[in-house]
PDB file of N, CA and C in Angstrom:
ATOM      1  N   MET A   1      -9.437  32.662  17.263  1.00  0.00           N
ATOM      2  CA  MET A   1     -10.394  31.629  17.029  1.00  0.00           C
ATOM      3  C   MET A   1     -11.225  31.950  15.801  1.00  0.00           C
ATOM      4  N   SER A   2     -11.607  30.949  15.062  1.00  0.00           N
ATOM      5  CA  SER A   2     -12.382  31.206  13.862  1.00  0.00           C
ATOM      6  C   SER A   2     -13.826  31.495  14.217  1.00  0.00           C
ATOM      7  N   ALA A   3     -14.495  32.196  13.310  1.00  0.00           N
ATOM      8  CA  ALA A   3     -15.897  32.513  13.528  1.00  0.00           C
ATOM      9  C   ALA A   3     -16.697  31.221  13.544  1.00  0.00           C
ATOM     10  N   GLY A   4     -17.659  31.156  14.396  1.00  0.00           N
ATOM     11  CA  GLY A   4     -18.498  29.979  14.448  1.00  0.00           C
ATOM     12  C   GLY A   4     -18.080  28.974  15.493  1.00  0.00           C
ATOM     13  N   SER A   5     -16.860  29.067  16.015  1.00  0.00           N
ATOM     14  CA  SER A   5     -16.465  28.138  17.074  1.00  0.00           C
ATOM     15  C   SER A   5     -16.774  28.783  18.416  1.00  0.00           C
ATOM     16  N   GLN A   6     -17.115  27.955  19.371  1.00  0.00           N
ATOM     17  CA  GLN A   6     -17.465  28.457  20.690  1.00  0.00           C
ATOM     18  C   GLN A   6     -16.195  28.759  21.467  1.00  0.00           C
ATOM     19  N   ALA A   7     -16.314  29.624  22.465  1.00  0.00           N
ATOM     20  CA  ALA A   7     -15.169  29.994  23.294  1.00  0.00           C
ATOM     21  C   ALA A   7     -14.533  28.737  23.880  1.00  0.00           C
ATOM     22  N   GLY A   8     -13.224  28.639  23.788  1.00  0.00           N
ATOM     23  CA  GLY A   8     -12.509  27.506  24.353  1.00  0.00           C
ATOM     24  C   GLY A   8     -12.448  26.302  23.425  1.00  0.00           C
ATOM     25  N   GLU A   9     -13.152  26.341  22.321  1.00  0.00           N
ATOM     26  CA  GLU A   9     -13.164  25.230  21.366  1.00  0.00           C
ATOM     27  C   GLU A   9     -12.173  25.527  20.254  1.00  0.00           C
ATOM     28  N   ARG A  10     -11.233  24.628  20.038  1.00  0.00           N
ATOM     29  CA  ARG A  10     -10.200  24.838  19.026  1.00  0.00           C
ATOM     30  C   ARG A  10     -10.513  24.003  17.796  1.00  0.00           C
ATOM     31  N   THR A  11     -10.551  24.648  16.645  1.00  0.00           N
ATOM     32  CA  THR A  11     -10.844  23.939  15.406  1.00  0.00           C
ATOM     33  C   THR A  11      -9.559  23.409  14.796  1.00  0.00           C
ATOM     34  N   ALA A  12      -9.707  22.519  13.828  1.00  0.00           N
ATOM     35  CA  ALA A  12      -8.542  21.991  13.122  1.00  0.00           C
ATOM     36  C   ALA A  12      -7.797  23.130  12.426  1.00  0.00           C
ATOM     37  N   ARG A  13      -8.540  24.085  11.884  1.00  0.00           N
ATOM     38  CA  ARG A  13      -7.922  25.235  11.215  1.00  0.00           C
ATOM     39  C   ARG A  13      -7.068  26.031  12.200  1.00  0.00           C
ATOM     40  N   ASP A  14      -7.617  26.275  13.386  1.00  0.00           N
ATOM     41  CA  ASP A  14      -6.869  27.003  14.414  1.00  0.00           C
ATOM     42  C   ASP A  14      -5.582  26.265  14.763  1.00  0.00           C
ATOM     43  N   GLU A  15      -5.654  24.950  14.873  1.00  0.00           N
ATOM     44  CA  GLU A  15      -4.480  24.145  15.214  1.00  0.00           C
ATOM     45  C   GLU A  15      -3.417  24.226  14.124  1.00  0.00           C
ATOM     46  N   VAL A  16      -3.827  24.116  12.875  1.00  0.00           N
ATOM     47  CA  VAL A  16      -2.880  24.195  11.761  1.00  0.00           C
ATOM     48  C   VAL A  16      -2.213  25.567  11.729  1.00  0.00           C
ATOM     49  N   LEU A  17      -3.004  26.625  11.844  1.00  0.00           N
ATOM     50  CA  LEU A  17      -2.434  27.975  11.817  1.00  0.00           C
ATOM     51  C   LEU A  17      -1.499  28.213  12.996  1.00  0.00           C
ATOM     52  N   SER A  18      -1.827  27.678  14.148  1.00  0.00           N
ATOM     53  CA  SER A  18      -0.972  27.806  15.322  1.00  0.00           C
ATOM     54  C   SER A  18       0.375  27.131  15.088  1.00  0.00           C
ATOM     55  N   ARG A  19       0.352  25.958  14.491  1.00  0.00           N
ATOM     56  CA  ARG A  19       1.602  25.240  14.211  1.00  0.00           C
ATOM     57  C   ARG A  19       2.445  25.963  13.166  1.00  0.00           C
ATOM     58  N   ILE A  20       1.793  26.552  12.167  1.00  0.00           N
ATOM     59  CA  ILE A  20       2.530  27.315  11.155  1.00  0.00           C
ATOM     60  C   ILE A  20       3.200  28.525  11.803  1.00  0.00           C
ATOM     61  N   ARG A  21       2.463  29.235  12.638  1.00  0.00           N
ATOM     62  CA  ARG A  21       3.040  30.407  13.320  1.00  0.00           C
ATOM     63  C   ARG A  21       4.237  29.999  14.179  1.00  0.00           C
ATOM     64  N   ALA A  22       4.123  28.893  14.893  1.00  0.00           N
ATOM     65  CA  ALA A  22       5.223  28.425  15.744  1.00  0.00           C
ATOM     66  C   ALA A  22       6.434  28.050  14.902  1.00  0.00           C
ATOM     67  N   ALA A  23       6.202  27.442  13.752  1.00  0.00           N
ATOM     68  CA  ALA A  23       7.311  27.034  12.889  1.00  0.00           C
ATOM     69  C   ALA A  23       8.010  28.226  12.267  1.00  0.00           C
ATOM     70  N   LEU A  24       7.257  29.292  11.967  1.00  0.00           N
ATOM     71  CA  LEU A  24       7.850  30.475  11.346  1.00  0.00           C
ATOM     72  C   LEU A  24       8.577  31.365  12.337  1.00  0.00           C
ATOM     73  N   GLY A  25       8.237  31.303  13.584  1.00  0.00           N
ATOM     74  CA  GLY A  25       8.883  32.149  14.578  1.00  0.00           C
ATOM     75  C   GLY A  25       8.206  33.496  14.685  1.00  0.00           C
ATOM     76  N   ALA A  26       8.689  34.285  15.608  1.00  0.00           N
ATOM     77  CA  ALA A  26       8.070  35.564  15.932  1.00  0.00           C
ATOM     78  C   ALA A  26       8.074  36.548  14.760  1.00  0.00           C
ATOM     79  N   ASP A  27       9.164  36.566  13.991  1.00  0.00           N
ATOM     80  CA  ASP A  27       9.245  37.539  12.899  1.00  0.00           C
ATOM     81  C   ASP A  27       8.734  36.987  11.571  1.00  0.00           C
ATOM     82  N   GLY A  28       8.326  35.720  11.535  1.00  0.00           N
ATOM     83  CA  GLY A  28       7.762  35.133  10.331  1.00  0.00           C
ATOM     84  C   GLY A  28       8.763  34.754   9.274  1.00  0.00           C
ATOM     85  N   THR A  29      10.050  34.741   9.607  1.00  0.00           N
ATOM     86  CA  THR A  29      11.060  34.453   8.590  1.00  0.00           C
ATOM     87  C   THR A  29      11.787  33.126   8.782  1.00  0.00           C
ATOM     88  N   GLY A  30      11.560  32.466   9.861  1.00  0.00           N
ATOM     89  CA  GLY A  30      12.280  31.215  10.067  1.00  0.00           C
ATOM     90  C   GLY A  30      11.788  30.465  11.275  1.00  0.00           C
ATOM     91  N   PRO A  31      12.421  29.346  11.554  1.00  0.00           N
ATOM     92  CA  PRO A  31      11.967  28.512  12.661  1.00  0.00           C
ATOM     93  C   PRO A  31      11.976  29.250  13.986  1.00  0.00           C
ATOM     94  N   GLY A  32      10.903  29.079  14.715  1.00  0.00           N
ATOM     95  CA  GLY A  32      10.804  29.671  16.035  1.00  0.00           C
ATOM     96  C   GLY A  32      11.272  28.690  17.086  1.00  0.00           C
ATOM     97  N   PRO A  33      11.328  29.120  18.326  1.00  0.00           N
ATOM     98  CA  PRO A  33      11.813  28.259  19.393  1.00  0.00           C
ATOM     99  C   PRO A  33      10.919  27.051  19.640  1.00  0.00           C
ATOM    100  N   GLU A  34       9.656  27.117  19.188  1.00  0.00           N
ATOM    101  CA  GLU A  34       8.734  26.011  19.410  1.00  0.00           C
ATOM    102  C   GLU A  34       8.686  25.042  18.230  1.00  0.00           C
ATOM    103  N   SER A  35       9.435  25.315  17.161  1.00  0.00           N
ATOM    104  CA  SER A  35       9.370  24.435  15.999  1.00  0.00           C
ATOM    105  C   SER A  35      10.106  23.135  16.281  1.00  0.00           C
ATOM    106  N   PRO A  36       9.642  22.060  15.665  1.00  0.00           N
ATOM    107  CA  PRO A  36      10.292  20.764  15.887  1.00  0.00           C
ATOM    108  C   PRO A  36      11.766  20.798  15.484  1.00  0.00           C
ATOM    109  N   VAL A  37      12.568  20.132  16.219  1.00  0.00           N
ATOM    110  CA  VAL A  37      13.998  20.052  15.922  1.00  0.00           C
ATOM    111  C   VAL A  37      14.186  19.275  14.635  1.00  0.00           C
ATOM    112  N   GLY A  38      15.114  19.704  13.821  1.00  0.00           N
ATOM    113  CA  GLY A  38      15.428  18.969  12.615  1.00  0.00           C
ATOM    114  C   GLY A  38      14.931  19.596  11.334  1.00  0.00           C
ATOM    115  N   TYR A  39      14.171  20.709  11.407  1.00  0.00           N
ATOM    116  CA  TYR A  39      13.764  21.367  10.178  1.00  0.00           C
ATOM    117  C   TYR A  39      14.991  21.915   9.473  1.00  0.00           C
ATOM    118  N   ARG A  40      15.089  21.654   8.198  1.00  0.00           N
ATOM    119  CA  ARG A  40      16.180  22.202   7.412  1.00  0.00           C
ATOM    120  C   ARG A  40      15.800  23.624   7.022  1.00  0.00           C
ATOM    121  N   VAL A  41      16.663  24.571   7.268  1.00  0.00           N
ATOM    122  CA  VAL A  41      16.368  25.959   6.934  1.00  0.00           C
ATOM    123  C   VAL A  41      17.227  26.472   5.792  1.00  0.00           C
ATOM    124  N   ARG A  42      18.245  25.717   5.436  1.00  0.00           N
ATOM    125  CA  ARG A  42      19.104  26.073   4.310  1.00  0.00           C
ATOM    126  C   ARG A  42      19.512  24.800   3.590  1.00  0.00           C
ATOM    127  N   GLY A  43      19.799  24.938   2.321  1.00  0.00           N
ATOM    128  CA  GLY A  43      20.227  23.792   1.538  1.00  0.00           C
ATOM    129  C   GLY A  43      21.372  24.166   0.624  1.00  0.00           C
ATOM    130  N   ASP A  44      21.842  23.184  -0.106  1.00  0.00           N
ATOM    131  CA  ASP A  44      22.976  23.442  -0.994  1.00  0.00           C
ATOM    132  C   ASP A  44      22.581  23.371  -2.464  1.00  0.00           C
ATOM    133  N   LEU A  45      21.279  23.356  -2.753  1.00  0.00           N
ATOM    134  CA  LEU A  45      20.828  23.324  -4.135  1.00  0.00           C
ATOM    135  C   LEU A  45      20.804  24.728  -4.718  1.00  0.00           C
ATOM    136  N   GLY A  46      21.147  24.806  -5.983  1.00  0.00           N
ATOM    137  CA  GLY A  46      21.073  26.073  -6.691  1.00  0.00           C
ATOM    138  C   GLY A  46      19.649  26.361  -7.121  1.00  0.00           C
ATOM    139  N   GLN A  47      19.409  27.538  -7.659  1.00  0.00           N
ATOM    140  CA  GLN A  47      18.065  27.947  -8.045  1.00  0.00           C
ATOM    141  C   GLN A  47      17.464  27.002  -9.085  1.00  0.00           C
ATOM    142  N   ASP A  48      18.245  26.625 -10.109  1.00  0.00           N
ATOM    143  CA  ASP A  48      17.731  25.729 -11.140  1.00  0.00           C
ATOM    144  C   ASP A  48      17.390  24.358 -10.563  1.00  0.00           C
ATOM    145  N   GLN A  49      18.227  23.861  -9.658  1.00  0.00           N
ATOM    146  CA  GLN A  49      17.966  22.569  -9.025  1.00  0.00           C
ATOM    147  C   GLN A  49      16.711  22.624  -8.155  1.00  0.00           C
ATOM    148  N   LEU A  50      16.522  23.728  -7.454  1.00  0.00           N
ATOM    149  CA  LEU A  50      15.317  23.885  -6.646  1.00  0.00           C
ATOM    150  C   LEU A  50      14.057  23.910  -7.505  1.00  0.00           C
ATOM    151  N   LEU A  51      14.127  24.594  -8.633  1.00  0.00           N
ATOM    152  CA  LEU A  51      12.982  24.639  -9.531  1.00  0.00           C
ATOM    153  C   LEU A  51      12.682  23.260 -10.112  1.00  0.00           C
ATOM    154  N   ASP A  52      13.731  22.508 -10.456  1.00  0.00           N
ATOM    155  CA  ASP A  52      13.541  21.140 -10.939  1.00  0.00           C
ATOM    156  C   ASP A  52      12.886  20.270  -9.869  1.00  0.00           C
ATOM    157  N   LEU A  53      13.342  20.396  -8.635  1.00  0.00           N
ATOM    158  CA  LEU A  53      12.777  19.626  -7.528  1.00  0.00           C
ATOM    159  C   LEU A  53      11.300  19.981  -7.320  1.00  0.00           C
ATOM    160  N   LEU A  54      10.984  21.267  -7.345  1.00  0.00           N
ATOM    161  CA  LEU A  54       9.604  21.705  -7.201  1.00  0.00           C
ATOM    162  C   LEU A  54       8.742  21.141  -8.324  1.00  0.00           C
ATOM    163  N   ALA A  55       9.220  21.232  -9.563  1.00  0.00           N
ATOM    164  CA  ALA A  55       8.467  20.716 -10.712  1.00  0.00           C
ATOM    165  C   ALA A  55       8.234  19.211 -10.572  1.00  0.00           C
ATOM    166  N   ASP A  56       9.252  18.471 -10.148  1.00  0.00           N
ATOM    167  CA  ASP A  56       9.114  17.021  -9.953  1.00  0.00           C
ATOM    168  C   ASP A  56       8.053  16.711  -8.902  1.00  0.00           C
ATOM    169  N   ARG A  57       8.084  17.436  -7.806  1.00  0.00           N
ATOM    170  CA  ARG A  57       7.122  17.177  -6.733  1.00  0.00           C
ATOM    171  C   ARG A  57       5.704  17.558  -7.141  1.00  0.00           C
ATOM    172  N   LEU A  58       5.570  18.670  -7.840  1.00  0.00           N
ATOM    173  CA  LEU A  58       4.242  19.067  -8.311  1.00  0.00           C
ATOM    174  C   LEU A  58       3.694  18.066  -9.320  1.00  0.00           C
ATOM    175  N   THR A  59       4.550  17.582 -10.204  1.00  0.00           N
ATOM    176  CA  THR A  59       4.147  16.569 -11.178  1.00  0.00           C
ATOM    177  C   THR A  59       3.718  15.289 -10.476  1.00  0.00           C
ATOM    178  N   HIS A  60       4.438  14.924  -9.425  1.00  0.00           N
ATOM    179  CA  HIS A  60       4.085  13.742  -8.644  1.00  0.00           C
ATOM    180  C   HIS A  60       2.659  13.851  -8.107  1.00  0.00           C
ATOM    181  N   TYR A  61       2.233  15.050  -7.756  1.00  0.00           N
ATOM    182  CA  TYR A  61       0.884  15.273  -7.254  1.00  0.00           C
ATOM    183  C   TYR A  61      -0.105  15.582  -8.379  1.00  0.00           C
ATOM    184  N   ARG A  62       0.317  15.283  -9.602  1.00  0.00           N
ATOM    185  CA  ARG A  62      -0.510  15.423 -10.803  1.00  0.00           C
ATOM    186  C   ARG A  62      -0.908  16.870 -11.108  1.00  0.00           C
ATOM    187  N   ALA A  63      -0.051  17.792 -10.739  1.00  0.00           N
ATOM    188  CA  ALA A  63      -0.279  19.193 -11.087  1.00  0.00           C
ATOM    189  C   ALA A  63       0.334  19.446 -12.467  1.00  0.00           C
ATOM    190  N   ALA A  64      -0.276  20.324 -13.210  1.00  0.00           N
ATOM    191  CA  ALA A  64       0.280  20.703 -14.506  1.00  0.00           C
ATOM    192  C   ALA A  64       1.394  21.718 -14.265  1.00  0.00           C
ATOM    193  N   VAL A  65       2.572  21.435 -14.776  1.00  0.00           N
ATOM    194  CA  VAL A  65       3.722  22.320 -14.587  1.00  0.00           C
ATOM    195  C   VAL A  65       4.137  22.846 -15.952  1.00  0.00           C
ATOM    196  N   ARG A  66       4.169  24.156 -16.064  1.00  0.00           N
ATOM    197  CA  ARG A  66       4.641  24.797 -17.293  1.00  0.00           C
ATOM    198  C   ARG A  66       5.786  25.705 -16.944  1.00  0.00           C
ATOM    199  N   ARG A  67       6.849  25.560 -17.667  1.00  0.00           N
ATOM    200  CA  ARG A  67       8.019  26.411 -17.428  1.00  0.00           C
ATOM    201  C   ARG A  67       7.949  27.621 -18.346  1.00  0.00           C
ATOM    202  N   ALA A  68       8.363  28.747 -17.839  1.00  0.00           N
ATOM    203  CA  ALA A  68       8.386  29.979 -18.620  1.00  0.00           C
ATOM    204  C   ALA A  68       9.664  30.731 -18.305  1.00  0.00           C
ATOM    205  N   ALA A  69      10.113  31.492 -19.275  1.00  0.00           N
ATOM    206  CA  ALA A  69      11.284  32.340 -19.051  1.00  0.00           C
ATOM    207  C   ALA A  69      10.907  33.460 -18.091  1.00  0.00           C
ATOM    208  N   PRO A  70      11.869  33.984 -17.328  1.00  0.00           N
ATOM    209  CA  PRO A  70      11.549  35.074 -16.382  1.00  0.00           C
ATOM    210  C   PRO A  70      10.847  36.264 -17.041  1.00  0.00           C
ATOM    211  N   ALA A  71      11.186  36.541 -18.299  1.00  0.00           N
ATOM    212  CA  ALA A  71      10.558  37.674 -18.979  1.00  0.00           C
ATOM    213  C   ALA A  71       9.092  37.415 -19.289  1.00  0.00           C
ATOM    214  N   ASP A  72       8.715  36.143 -19.342  1.00  0.00           N
ATOM    215  CA  ASP A  72       7.330  35.796 -19.667  1.00  0.00           C
ATOM    216  C   ASP A  72       6.479  35.877 -18.432  1.00  0.00           C
TER     217      ASP A  72
END
């Protein structure tokens, strides 16, 4: 429970963190038994395609995206 909440009172933060823990599973590496059915855990996109998808989504949310070489 977060500091400042009374015993037995669940905050929105506590709920979000609880759902994240359930989705990650016991070892923190993948879906746990309590995660909603249908989560995709693997895909068929290559690394470059994944980076393009991430950049597109970040741009959609008006984030500044700058690409750099791995050495940079």
